[in-house]
PDB file of all heavy atoms in Angstrom:
ATOM      1  N   ASP A   1      29.524 -75.490 -59.477  1.00  0.00           N
ATOM      2  CA  ASP A   1      28.472 -75.521 -60.391  1.00  0.00           C
ATOM      3  C   ASP A   1      28.933 -75.054 -61.802  1.00  0.00           C
ATOM      4  O   ASP A   1      28.485 -75.665 -62.831  1.00  0.00           O
ATOM      5  CB  ASP A   1      27.290 -74.653 -59.969  1.00  0.00           C
ATOM      6  CG  ASP A   1      26.582 -75.193 -58.767  1.00  0.00           C
ATOM      7  OD1 ASP A   1      26.736 -76.459 -58.461  1.00  0.00           O
ATOM      8  OD2 ASP A   1      25.858 -74.462 -58.081  1.00  0.00           O
ATOM      9  N   SER A   2      29.822 -74.092 -61.861  1.00  0.00           N
ATOM     10  CA  SER A   2      30.333 -73.600 -63.155  1.00  0.00           C
ATOM     11  C   SER A   2      31.137 -74.662 -63.819  1.00  0.00           C
ATOM     12  O   SER A   2      31.073 -74.833 -65.076  1.00  0.00           O
ATOM     13  CB  SER A   2      31.198 -72.324 -62.908  1.00  0.00           C
ATOM     14  OG  SER A   2      30.452 -71.299 -62.436  1.00  0.00           O
ATOM     15  N   ILE A   3      31.950 -75.424 -63.038  1.00  0.00           N
ATOM     16  CA  ILE A   3      32.789 -76.444 -63.617  1.00  0.00           C
ATOM     17  C   ILE A   3      31.926 -77.688 -64.049  1.00  0.00           C
ATOM     18  O   ILE A   3      32.123 -78.244 -65.080  1.00  0.00           O
ATOM     19  CB  ILE A   3      33.844 -76.887 -62.567  1.00  0.00           C
ATOM     20  CG1 ILE A   3      34.775 -75.790 -62.273  1.00  0.00           C
ATOM     21  CG2 ILE A   3      34.633 -78.118 -63.087  1.00  0.00           C
ATOM     22  CD1 ILE A   3      35.776 -76.018 -61.146  1.00  0.00           C
ATOM     23  N   LYS A   4      30.891 -78.038 -63.245  1.00  0.00           N
ATOM     24  CA  LYS A   4      30.043 -79.093 -63.555  1.00  0.00           C
ATOM     25  C   LYS A   4      29.217 -78.826 -64.827  1.00  0.00           C
ATOM     26  O   LYS A   4      28.865 -79.700 -65.606  1.00  0.00           O
ATOM     27  CB  LYS A   4      29.096 -79.431 -62.424  1.00  0.00           C
ATOM     28  CG  LYS A   4      29.808 -80.110 -61.226  1.00  0.00           C
ATOM     29  CD  LYS A   4      28.896 -80.170 -59.975  1.00  0.00           C
ATOM     30  CE  LYS A   4      27.728 -81.084 -60.196  1.00  0.00           C
ATOM     31  NZ  LYS A   4      26.923 -81.243 -58.971  1.00  0.00           N
ATOM     32  N   ALA A   5      28.965 -77.542 -65.051  1.00  0.00           N
ATOM     33  CA  ALA A   5      28.165 -77.051 -66.234  1.00  0.00           C
ATOM     34  C   ALA A   5      28.848 -77.411 -67.521  1.00  0.00           C
ATOM     35  O   ALA A   5      28.178 -77.449 -68.614  1.00  0.00           O
ATOM     36  CB  ALA A   5      27.803 -75.595 -66.116  1.00  0.00           C
ATOM     37  N   ILE A   6      30.180 -77.522 -67.505  1.00  0.00           N
ATOM     38  CA  ILE A   6      30.918 -77.846 -68.728  1.00  0.00           C
ATOM     39  C   ILE A   6      31.223 -79.367 -68.821  1.00  0.00           C
ATOM     40  O   ILE A   6      32.079 -79.779 -69.622  1.00  0.00           O
ATOM     41  CB  ILE A   6      32.187 -77.035 -68.856  1.00  0.00           C
ATOM     42  CG1 ILE A   6      33.141 -77.329 -67.768  1.00  0.00           C
ATOM     43  CG2 ILE A   6      31.883 -75.599 -68.929  1.00  0.00           C
ATOM     44  CD1 ILE A   6      34.559 -76.673 -67.948  1.00  0.00           C
ATOM     45  N   GLY A   7      30.525 -80.159 -67.988  1.00  0.00           N
ATOM     46  CA  GLY A   7      30.661 -81.614 -68.103  1.00  0.00           C
ATOM     47  C   GLY A   7      31.751 -82.269 -67.242  1.00  0.00           C
ATOM     48  O   GLY A   7      32.022 -83.423 -67.447  1.00  0.00           O
ATOM     49  N   LEU A   8      32.313 -81.494 -66.281  1.00  0.00           N
ATOM     50  CA  LEU A   8      33.339 -82.083 -65.433  1.00  0.00           C
ATOM     51  C   LEU A   8      32.741 -82.293 -64.022  1.00  0.00           C
ATOM     52  O   LEU A   8      32.531 -81.263 -63.358  1.00  0.00           O
ATOM     53  CB  LEU A   8      34.574 -81.163 -65.406  1.00  0.00           C
ATOM     54  CG  LEU A   8      35.198 -80.826 -66.827  1.00  0.00           C
ATOM     55  CD1 LEU A   8      36.344 -79.856 -66.621  1.00  0.00           C
ATOM     56  CD2 LEU A   8      35.635 -82.089 -67.515  1.00  0.00           C
ATOM     57  N   ASP A   9      32.579 -83.540 -63.637  1.00  0.00           N
ATOM     58  CA  ASP A   9      31.918 -83.804 -62.362  1.00  0.00           C
ATOM     59  C   ASP A   9      32.841 -84.272 -61.236  1.00  0.00           C
ATOM     60  O   ASP A   9      32.493 -84.277 -60.097  1.00  0.00           O
ATOM     61  CB  ASP A   9      30.762 -84.899 -62.575  1.00  0.00           C
ATOM     62  CG  ASP A   9      29.712 -84.387 -63.481  1.00  0.00           C
ATOM     63  OD1 ASP A   9      29.373 -83.188 -63.402  1.00  0.00           O
ATOM     64  OD2 ASP A   9      29.175 -85.234 -64.268  1.00  0.00           O
ATOM     65  N   THR A  10      34.035 -84.805 -61.650  1.00  0.00           N
ATOM     66  CA  THR A  10      34.920 -85.360 -60.663  1.00  0.00           C
ATOM     67  C   THR A  10      36.240 -84.614 -60.577  1.00  0.00           C
ATOM     68  O   THR A  10      36.657 -83.864 -61.508  1.00  0.00           O
ATOM     69  CB  THR A  10      35.235 -86.834 -61.027  1.00  0.00           C
ATOM     70  OG1 THR A  10      35.930 -86.834 -62.233  1.00  0.00           O
ATOM     71  CG2 THR A  10      33.914 -87.628 -61.161  1.00  0.00           C
ATOM     72  N   ALA A  11      36.994 -84.865 -59.517  1.00  0.00           N
ATOM     73  CA  ALA A  11      38.270 -84.196 -59.344  1.00  0.00           C
ATOM     74  C   ALA A  11      39.268 -84.528 -60.420  1.00  0.00           C
ATOM     75  O   ALA A  11      39.980 -83.683 -60.937  1.00  0.00           O
ATOM     76  CB  ALA A  11      38.832 -84.553 -57.977  1.00  0.00           C
ATOM     77  N   LYS A  12      39.335 -85.814 -60.755  1.00  0.00           N
ATOM     78  CA  LYS A  12      40.341 -86.270 -61.777  1.00  0.00           C
ATOM     79  C   LYS A  12      39.969 -85.671 -63.136  1.00  0.00           C
ATOM     80  O   LYS A  12      40.872 -85.254 -63.885  1.00  0.00           O
ATOM     81  CB  LYS A  12      40.281 -87.750 -61.904  1.00  0.00           C
ATOM     82  CG  LYS A  12      41.066 -88.474 -60.758  1.00  0.00           C
ATOM     83  CD  LYS A  12      42.598 -88.314 -60.974  1.00  0.00           C
ATOM     84  CE  LYS A  12      43.450 -88.965 -59.916  1.00  0.00           C
ATOM     85  NZ  LYS A  12      43.408 -90.441 -60.055  1.00  0.00           N
ATOM     86  N   ALA A  13      38.650 -85.523 -63.445  1.00  0.00           N
ATOM     87  CA  ALA A  13      38.277 -84.945 -64.720  1.00  0.00           C
ATOM     88  C   ALA A  13      38.728 -83.495 -64.792  1.00  0.00           C
ATOM     89  O   ALA A  13      39.200 -83.020 -65.874  1.00  0.00           O
ATOM     90  CB  ALA A  13      36.734 -85.013 -64.819  1.00  0.00           C
ATOM     91  N   VAL A  14      38.640 -82.771 -63.672  1.00  0.00           N
ATOM     92  CA  VAL A  14      39.103 -81.363 -63.691  1.00  0.00           C
ATOM     93  C   VAL A  14      40.573 -81.255 -63.786  1.00  0.00           C
ATOM     94  O   VAL A  14      41.077 -80.490 -64.541  1.00  0.00           O
ATOM     95  CB  VAL A  14      38.558 -80.659 -62.391  1.00  0.00           C
ATOM     96  CG1 VAL A  14      39.110 -79.260 -62.346  1.00  0.00           C
ATOM     97  CG2 VAL A  14      37.043 -80.653 -62.334  1.00  0.00           C
ATOM     98  N   ILE A  15      41.284 -82.109 -63.054  1.00  0.00           N
ATOM     99  CA  ILE A  15      42.733 -82.109 -63.083  1.00  0.00           C
ATOM    100  C   ILE A  15      43.250 -82.422 -64.490  1.00  0.00           C
ATOM    101  O   ILE A  15      44.250 -81.806 -64.954  1.00  0.00           O
ATOM    102  CB  ILE A  15      43.318 -83.137 -62.022  1.00  0.00           C
ATOM    103  CG1 ILE A  15      43.034 -82.666 -60.634  1.00  0.00           C
ATOM    104  CG2 ILE A  15      44.830 -83.232 -62.239  1.00  0.00           C
ATOM    105  CD1 ILE A  15      43.374 -83.666 -59.566  1.00  0.00           C
ATOM    106  N   ASN A  16      42.582 -83.336 -65.192  1.00  0.00           N
ATOM    107  CA  ASN A  16      43.052 -83.738 -66.534  1.00  0.00           C
ATOM    108  C   ASN A  16      42.625 -82.822 -67.605  1.00  0.00           C
ATOM    109  O   ASN A  16      43.111 -82.862 -68.733  1.00  0.00           O
ATOM    110  CB  ASN A  16      42.574 -85.180 -66.819  1.00  0.00           C
ATOM    111  CG  ASN A  16      43.257 -86.181 -65.984  1.00  0.00           C
ATOM    112  OD1 ASN A  16      44.484 -86.119 -65.736  1.00  0.00           O
ATOM    113  ND2 ASN A  16      42.536 -87.213 -65.538  1.00  0.00           N
ATOM    114  N   ALA A  17      41.677 -81.946 -67.315  1.00  0.00           N
ATOM    115  CA  ALA A  17      41.164 -80.967 -68.293  1.00  0.00           C
ATOM    116  C   ALA A  17      42.227 -79.857 -68.478  1.00  0.00           C
ATOM    117  O   ALA A  17      42.873 -79.500 -67.512  1.00  0.00           O
ATOM    118  CB  ALA A  17      39.847 -80.408 -67.890  1.00  0.00           C
ATOM    119  N   PRO A  18      42.374 -79.355 -69.639  1.00  0.00           N
ATOM    120  CA  PRO A  18      43.305 -78.203 -69.845  1.00  0.00           C
ATOM    121  C   PRO A  18      42.887 -76.966 -68.977  1.00  0.00           C
ATOM    122  O   PRO A  18      41.707 -76.629 -68.909  1.00  0.00           O
ATOM    123  CB  PRO A  18      43.148 -77.902 -71.363  1.00  0.00           C
ATOM    124  CG  PRO A  18      42.578 -79.161 -71.938  1.00  0.00           C
ATOM    125  CD  PRO A  18      41.713 -79.727 -70.921  1.00  0.00           C
ATOM    126  N   ARG A  19      43.905 -76.347 -68.473  1.00  0.00           N
ATOM    127  CA  ARG A  19      43.642 -75.137 -67.654  1.00  0.00           C
ATOM    128  C   ARG A  19      42.903 -74.072 -68.460  1.00  0.00           C
ATOM    129  O   ARG A  19      42.062 -73.385 -67.929  1.00  0.00           O
ATOM    130  CB  ARG A  19      44.966 -74.628 -67.100  1.00  0.00           C
ATOM    131  CG  ARG A  19      44.890 -73.347 -66.298  1.00  0.00           C
ATOM    132  CD  ARG A  19      46.277 -73.008 -65.786  1.00  0.00           C
ATOM    133  NE  ARG A  19      46.295 -71.703 -65.090  1.00  0.00           N
ATOM    134  CZ  ARG A  19      46.415 -70.572 -65.657  1.00  0.00           C
ATOM    135  NH1 ARG A  19      46.509 -70.478 -67.007  1.00  0.00           N
ATOM    136  NH2 ARG A  19      46.378 -69.416 -64.926  1.00  0.00           N
ATOM    137  N   GLU A  20      43.339 -73.939 -69.708  1.00  0.00           N
ATOM    138  CA  GLU A  20      42.719 -72.854 -70.532  1.00  0.00           C
ATOM    139  C   GLU A  20      41.266 -73.125 -70.772  1.00  0.00           C
ATOM    140  O   GLU A  20      40.432 -72.169 -70.835  1.00  0.00           O
ATOM    141  CB  GLU A  20      43.448 -72.826 -71.928  1.00  0.00           C
ATOM    142  CG  GLU A  20      44.916 -72.353 -71.842  1.00  0.00           C
ATOM    143  CD  GLU A  20      45.856 -73.517 -71.577  1.00  0.00           C
ATOM    144  OE1 GLU A  20      45.361 -74.648 -71.288  1.00  0.00           O
ATOM    145  OE2 GLU A  20      47.104 -73.335 -71.620  1.00  0.00           O
ATOM    146  N   MET A  21      40.857 -74.418 -70.864  1.00  0.00           N
ATOM    147  CA  MET A  21      39.439 -74.700 -71.048  1.00  0.00           C
ATOM    148  C   MET A  21      38.629 -74.352 -69.823  1.00  0.00           C
ATOM    149  O   MET A  21      37.491 -73.867 -69.869  1.00  0.00           O
ATOM    150  CB  MET A  21      39.313 -76.197 -71.278  1.00  0.00           C
ATOM    151  CG  MET A  21      37.844 -76.600 -71.742  1.00  0.00           C
ATOM    152  SD  MET A  21      37.699 -78.291 -72.154  1.00  0.00           S
ATOM    153  CE  MET A  21      37.436 -78.984 -70.525  1.00  0.00           C
ATOM    154  N   LEU A  22      39.169 -74.568 -68.644  1.00  0.00           N
ATOM    155  CA  LEU A  22      38.485 -74.164 -67.423  1.00  0.00           C
ATOM    156  C   LEU A  22      38.323 -72.683 -67.296  1.00  0.00           C
ATOM    157  O   LEU A  22      37.260 -72.200 -66.871  1.00  0.00           O
ATOM    158  CB  LEU A  22      39.260 -74.708 -66.164  1.00  0.00           C
ATOM    159  CG  LEU A  22      39.416 -76.207 -65.987  1.00  0.00           C
ATOM    160  CD1 LEU A  22      40.382 -76.598 -64.927  1.00  0.00           C
ATOM    161  CD2 LEU A  22      38.073 -76.837 -65.718  1.00  0.00           C
ATOM    162  N   VAL A  23      39.328 -71.970 -67.749  1.00  0.00           N
ATOM    163  CA  VAL A  23      39.262 -70.473 -67.692  1.00  0.00           C
ATOM    164  C   VAL A  23      38.145 -69.978 -68.651  1.00  0.00           C
ATOM    165  O   VAL A  23      37.315 -69.147 -68.373  1.00  0.00           O
ATOM    166  CB  VAL A  23      40.572 -69.834 -68.012  1.00  0.00           C
ATOM    167  CG1 VAL A  23      40.432 -68.337 -68.161  1.00  0.00           C
ATOM    168  CG2 VAL A  23      41.583 -70.173 -66.966  1.00  0.00           C
ATOM    169  N   GLU A  24      38.199 -70.513 -69.899  1.00  0.00           N
ATOM    170  CA  GLU A  24      37.337 -69.943 -70.961  1.00  0.00           C
ATOM    171  C   GLU A  24      35.903 -70.478 -70.836  1.00  0.00           C
ATOM    172  O   GLU A  24      34.914 -69.735 -70.779  1.00  0.00           O
ATOM    173  CB  GLU A  24      37.919 -70.304 -72.353  1.00  0.00           C
ATOM    174  CG  GLU A  24      39.068 -69.486 -72.711  1.00  0.00           C
ATOM    175  CD  GLU A  24      39.402 -69.541 -74.188  1.00  0.00           C
ATOM    176  OE1 GLU A  24      38.577 -70.045 -74.977  1.00  0.00           O
ATOM    177  OE2 GLU A  24      40.484 -69.113 -74.580  1.00  0.00           O
TER     178      GLU A  24
END
């Protein structure tokens, strides 16, 4: 839910997103 809240709904979207963005 935390990841989806920043607009990332799929596995590829999360993998391609910067790690720092996921943390912050």
